[in-house]
Amino acid sequence: MQRMLNLVAASGRRLAALALTAGLVMTATSQAQTLNDIQWVTEEYAPYNFSENGIATGISVDVLAKIWEKLGVERSAEDIRVLPWARGYRMAQEQPDVCLFATTVTEPRRELFQFIEPLVEVRIAIVGPRDADVRIGSVDDLAPLRIGVVRDDIGEHLLELANAQSTMIRTDSARIMVRMLRGRRFEAVAYDSDVTRWNMLQEGIEPADYRDFYILEEATMGYACSKDMDPDLVAQMQSALNALIEDGTVERITRQYRE
């Protein structure tokens, strides 16, 4: 009889443990019940997204604010975290209910994220000194070059996808990267062409002294959300972005920063 009681007690403890585990799993997978629960993360990638006085701004931030407004989301730019790109990129892959932006859309990245797109068109280029005797006709011609990239940025990923034989030198930010380019630490950088020149201006570097050696890819950017996020929430935001594209809001916002 005592043995039976012990077995019943042990079984009860196992059931309790299973219930606790199930509860934790449900808690972990039931986050972001509403759009207000999503974490928004961006980086210094002007003019698309950057910080002024510690607050996020830029094309993608202004468009996001319009998406929130259309959907009745009670959030503001102060709720957006501005982090180094590599850290935000890991967060969006490893943590639930994170949206990282603006993120260049590629087929491999579609396996990692749910995208809300298209936001803006971008040109990822190999940029170097105008006076350099460099002629690039294909990715194979990059082999002799040392090329600066931002860690986990699209420039690095495109070079890897193309199996480029150049030497990549990884940096933690675009500002560091363009300073190293000025100091001839490498011959070129692989980065968004417009953003490269924006960062040059911030560092007192004359953009006219540099040129695009080669276009790696012309693509679009969007908001990259965690793979396990509720697809209905993503669909709501996609529908709002579609409406903002159709009524010309996205184009107007983009023109304000690019003119």
Protein backbone atom coordinates (compact mmCIF):
# COMPACT_ATOMS: atom_id res chain seq x y z
CA MET A 1 0.00 0.00 0.00
CA GLN A 2 2.80 2.38 0.94
CA ARG A 3 4.56 1.58 -2.33
CA MET A 4 1.43 2.50 -4.26
CA LEU A 5 1.13 5.76 -2.38
CA ASN A 6 4.76 6.53 -3.17
CA LEU A 7 4.14 5.81 -6.85
CA VAL A 8 1.09 8.05 -6.86
CA ALA A 9 3.06 10.83 -5.16
CA ALA A 10 5.92 10.47 -7.63
CA SER A 11 3.50 10.49 -10.52
CA GLY A 12 1.91 13.64 -9.13
CA ARG A 13 5.27 15.35 -8.90
CA ARG A 14 6.05 14.42 -12.53
CA LEU A 15 2.69 15.74 -13.67
CA ALA A 16 3.27 18.96 -11.77
CA ALA A 17 6.70 19.32 -13.35
CA LEU A 18 5.23 18.67 -16.81
CA ALA A 19 2.51 21.22 -16.17
CA LEU A 20 5.09 23.79 -15.09
CA THR A 21 7.19 23.07 -18.18
CA ALA A 22 4.13 23.34 -20.42
CA GLY A 23 3.24 26.61 -18.77
CA LEU A 24 6.71 28.00 -19.39
CA VAL A 25 6.60 26.90 -23.02
CA MET A 26 3.19 28.48 -23.48
CA THR A 27 4.47 31.70 -21.91
CA ALA A 28 7.52 31.72 -24.19
CA THR A 29 5.50 31.03 -27.33
CA SER A 30 2.56 33.26 -26.50
CA GLN A 31 4.48 36.53 -26.41
CA ALA A 32 3.53 39.44 -28.66
CA GLN A 33 -0.20 38.88 -28.45
CA THR A 34 -0.53 42.39 -29.84
CA LEU A 35 1.55 44.69 -32.01
CA ASN A 36 2.40 46.70 -28.89
CA ASP A 37 4.46 43.78 -27.53
CA ILE A 38 7.02 43.65 -30.36
CA GLN A 39 10.63 44.76 -29.75
CA TRP A 40 11.91 47.11 -32.45
CA VAL A 41 15.66 47.28 -33.11
CA THR A 42 17.62 49.37 -35.60
CA GLU A 43 21.16 50.61 -36.25
CA GLU A 44 23.09 53.65 -37.46
CA TYR A 45 22.42 53.35 -41.20
CA ALA A 46 21.57 56.84 -42.38
CA PRO A 47 19.51 58.03 -44.12
CA TYR A 48 17.37 54.94 -43.60
CA ASN A 49 17.72 54.81 -39.82
CA PHE A 50 19.98 56.64 -37.37
CA SER A 51 19.84 58.42 -34.03
CA GLU A 52 19.58 62.11 -33.17
CA ASN A 53 19.97 63.01 -29.50
CA GLY A 54 19.53 59.35 -28.66
CA ILE A 55 16.21 58.99 -30.54
CA ALA A 56 15.81 56.92 -33.69
CA THR A 57 14.92 58.75 -36.90
CA GLY A 58 15.26 58.32 -40.67
CA ILE A 59 13.23 56.96 -43.58
CA SER A 60 12.43 53.57 -42.07
CA VAL A 61 11.60 55.06 -38.66
CA ASP A 62 9.18 57.59 -40.15
CA VAL A 63 7.49 54.90 -42.24
CA LEU A 64 7.22 52.65 -39.18
CA ALA A 65 5.57 55.49 -37.26
CA LYS A 66 2.96 55.70 -40.05
CA ILE A 67 2.42 51.92 -39.86
CA TRP A 68 1.86 52.21 -36.11
CA GLU A 69 -0.52 55.13 -36.63
CA LYS A 70 -2.55 53.22 -39.21
CA LEU A 71 -2.82 50.17 -36.93
CA GLY A 72 -3.45 52.06 -33.69
CA VAL A 73 -0.18 50.95 -32.09
CA GLU A 74 0.76 53.06 -29.07
CA ARG A 75 4.49 53.28 -29.72
CA SER A 76 6.93 56.05 -30.60
CA ALA A 77 10.52 56.44 -31.79
CA GLU A 78 11.64 56.44 -28.16
CA ASP A 79 10.65 52.75 -28.01
CA ILE A 80 13.13 51.79 -30.74
CA ARG A 81 16.54 50.47 -29.62
CA VAL A 82 19.53 51.65 -31.67
CA LEU A 83 22.20 48.94 -31.45
CA PRO A 84 25.27 47.75 -33.36
CA TRP A 85 24.08 45.80 -36.38
CA ALA A 86 25.61 42.43 -35.44
CA ARG A 87 23.92 42.50 -32.02
CA GLY A 88 20.51 43.37 -33.44
CA TYR A 89 20.91 40.74 -36.15
CA ARG A 90 21.52 38.05 -33.52
CA MET A 91 18.60 39.28 -31.42
CA ALA A 92 16.15 38.97 -34.31
CA GLN A 93 17.29 35.37 -34.89
CA GLU A 94 17.60 34.20 -31.29
CA GLN A 95 14.87 36.05 -29.42
CA PRO A 96 11.12 35.92 -30.00
CA ASP A 97 9.13 38.84 -31.34
CA VAL A 98 11.94 41.14 -32.47
CA CYS A 99 11.80 43.23 -35.65
CA LEU A 100 15.11 44.50 -37.04
CA PHE A 101 15.32 47.25 -39.63
CA ALA A 102 16.03 48.34 -42.20
CA THR A 103 17.24 44.97 -43.47
CA THR A 104 18.22 44.17 -47.05
CA VAL A 105 16.05 41.35 -48.37
CA THR A 106 17.84 38.30 -49.78
CA GLU A 107 16.69 34.74 -50.37
CA PRO A 108 18.95 33.28 -47.64
CA ARG A 109 17.57 35.83 -45.17
CA ARG A 110 14.02 34.76 -45.99
CA GLU A 111 14.91 31.51 -44.26
CA LEU A 112 15.80 33.45 -41.10
CA PHE A 113 13.11 36.14 -40.90
CA GLN A 114 9.59 37.14 -41.84
CA PHE A 115 9.87 40.31 -43.93
CA ILE A 116 7.58 43.32 -44.18
CA GLU A 117 8.56 44.81 -47.53
CA PRO A 118 9.44 46.60 -49.79
CA LEU A 119 10.55 49.71 -47.95
CA VAL A 120 13.24 51.32 -50.11
CA GLU A 121 15.54 50.33 -52.95
CA VAL A 122 19.26 50.17 -52.20
CA ARG A 123 22.53 49.68 -54.06
CA ILE A 124 25.23 47.59 -52.40
CA ALA A 125 28.57 48.49 -53.94
CA ILE A 126 32.31 48.09 -53.69
CA VAL A 127 33.42 51.66 -52.94
CA GLY A 128 37.00 52.89 -53.03
CA PRO A 129 39.25 55.90 -53.77
CA ARG A 130 38.55 57.64 -57.06
CA ASP A 131 42.25 57.82 -57.91
CA ALA A 132 42.84 54.08 -57.40
CA ASP A 133 43.79 52.09 -60.49
CA VAL A 134 41.05 49.52 -59.93
CA ARG A 135 38.81 48.06 -62.62
CA ILE A 136 36.25 45.47 -61.61
CA GLY A 137 34.30 43.60 -64.27
CA SER A 138 33.17 40.67 -62.14
CA VAL A 139 33.41 39.32 -58.61
CA ASP A 140 36.53 37.39 -59.64
CA ASP A 141 38.35 40.70 -60.10
CA LEU A 142 37.91 41.46 -56.39
CA ALA A 143 40.42 38.76 -55.44
CA PRO A 144 43.49 41.04 -55.00
CA LEU A 145 41.60 43.53 -52.81
CA ARG A 146 41.28 43.88 -49.07
CA ILE A 147 37.67 44.88 -48.51
CA GLY A 148 36.19 46.37 -45.36
CA VAL A 149 32.74 45.21 -44.23
CA VAL A 150 30.48 45.71 -41.23
CA ARG A 151 30.10 42.44 -39.37
CA ASP A 152 26.95 40.52 -40.45
CA ASP A 153 25.96 43.31 -42.86
CA ILE A 154 24.63 42.60 -46.33
CA GLY A 155 28.00 43.57 -47.87
CA GLU A 156 29.72 40.73 -46.03
CA HIS A 157 26.92 38.29 -46.87
CA LEU A 158 26.95 39.15 -50.58
CA LEU A 159 30.71 38.64 -50.81
CA GLU A 160 30.33 35.28 -49.09
CA LEU A 161 27.44 34.25 -51.36
CA ALA A 162 29.50 35.19 -54.43
CA ASN A 163 32.44 33.22 -53.05
CA ALA A 164 34.63 36.27 -53.53
CA GLN A 165 38.30 35.51 -52.97
CA SER A 166 39.11 38.95 -51.59
CA THR A 167 40.31 39.43 -48.02
CA MET A 168 37.45 40.69 -45.86
CA ILE A 169 38.26 42.89 -42.87
CA ARG A 170 35.32 43.01 -40.48
CA THR A 171 34.45 46.14 -38.50
CA ASP A 172 31.74 46.93 -35.94
CA SER A 173 30.31 50.07 -37.56
CA ALA A 174 30.22 52.08 -40.77
CA ARG A 175 31.93 55.05 -39.08
CA ILE A 176 34.90 52.88 -38.13
CA MET A 177 34.92 51.33 -41.60
CA VAL A 178 35.10 54.62 -43.55
CA ARG A 179 37.82 55.93 -41.22
CA MET A 180 39.84 52.80 -41.96
CA LEU A 181 39.21 53.28 -45.69
CA ARG A 182 40.56 56.84 -45.46
CA GLY A 183 43.61 55.47 -43.66
CA ARG A 184 44.18 52.93 -46.49
CA ARG A 185 43.72 49.98 -44.13
CA PHE A 186 41.97 48.36 -47.06
CA GLU A 187 41.42 49.23 -50.72
CA ALA A 188 37.61 49.34 -50.68
CA VAL A 189 34.45 48.71 -48.67
CA ALA A 190 31.36 46.62 -49.44
CA TYR A 191 28.37 48.59 -48.23
CA ASP A 192 25.30 50.53 -49.31
CA SER A 193 26.60 53.24 -51.63
CA ASP A 194 24.45 56.07 -50.21
CA VAL A 195 25.08 55.11 -46.59
CA THR A 196 28.82 54.94 -47.20
CA ARG A 197 28.82 58.54 -48.42
CA TRP A 198 26.57 59.70 -45.57
CA ASN A 199 29.05 58.29 -43.07
CA MET A 200 31.94 59.89 -44.93
CA LEU A 201 30.32 63.29 -44.48
CA GLN A 202 29.94 62.62 -40.74
CA GLU A 203 33.65 61.82 -40.56
CA GLY A 204 34.79 64.87 -42.54
CA ILE A 205 35.69 62.75 -45.57
CA GLU A 206 34.96 64.14 -49.04
CA PRO A 207 32.61 61.64 -50.78
CA ALA A 208 33.61 62.99 -54.21
CA ASP A 209 37.07 61.47 -53.65
CA TYR A 210 35.52 58.00 -53.82
CA ARG A 211 33.62 56.03 -56.45
CA ASP A 212 31.71 52.79 -56.88
CA PHE A 213 34.10 50.20 -58.28
CA TYR A 214 31.41 47.57 -58.72
CA ILE A 215 27.72 47.01 -57.90
CA LEU A 216 27.26 43.82 -55.90
CA GLU A 217 23.48 43.99 -55.85
CA GLU A 218 20.53 46.30 -56.27
CA ALA A 219 17.88 45.20 -53.81
CA THR A 220 15.12 46.30 -51.47
CA MET A 221 15.04 46.68 -47.71
CA GLY A 222 12.29 45.95 -45.25
CA TYR A 223 11.54 45.11 -41.63
CA ALA A 224 12.92 41.68 -40.64
CA CYS A 225 10.87 40.03 -37.89
CA SER A 226 11.60 36.89 -35.85
CA LYS A 227 10.72 33.70 -37.67
CA ASP A 228 8.43 32.54 -34.84
CA MET A 229 6.41 35.78 -34.65
CA ASP A 230 2.65 35.41 -35.07
CA PRO A 231 2.14 35.58 -38.87
CA ASP A 232 -1.14 37.45 -38.34
CA LEU A 233 0.75 40.35 -36.73
CA VAL A 234 3.22 40.38 -39.62
CA ALA A 235 0.32 40.33 -42.10
CA GLN A 236 -1.31 43.32 -40.40
CA MET A 237 1.91 45.34 -40.69
CA GLN A 238 2.41 44.24 -44.31
CA SER A 239 -1.11 45.38 -45.17
CA ALA A 240 -0.45 48.78 -43.56
CA LEU A 241 2.84 49.18 -45.46
CA ASN A 242 1.10 48.26 -48.73
CA ALA A 243 -1.45 51.01 -48.13
CA LEU A 244 1.30 53.55 -47.38
CA ILE A 245 3.06 52.63 -50.61
CA GLU A 246 -0.14 52.93 -52.61
CA ASP A 247 -1.07 56.37 -51.26
CA GLY A 248 2.44 57.76 -51.85
CA THR A 249 3.40 58.17 -48.19
CA VAL A 250 6.55 56.02 -48.42
CA GLU A 251 7.74 57.89 -51.51
CA ARG A 252 7.18 61.27 -49.86
CA ILE A 253 9.10 60.27 -46.74
CA THR A 254 11.97 58.83 -48.79
CA ARG A 255 12.21 61.98 -50.91
CA GLN A 256 12.50 64.16 -47.80
CA TYR A 257 15.74 62.42 -46.79
CA ARG A 258 17.29 61.92 -50.21
CA GLU A 259 16.82 65.37 -51.71
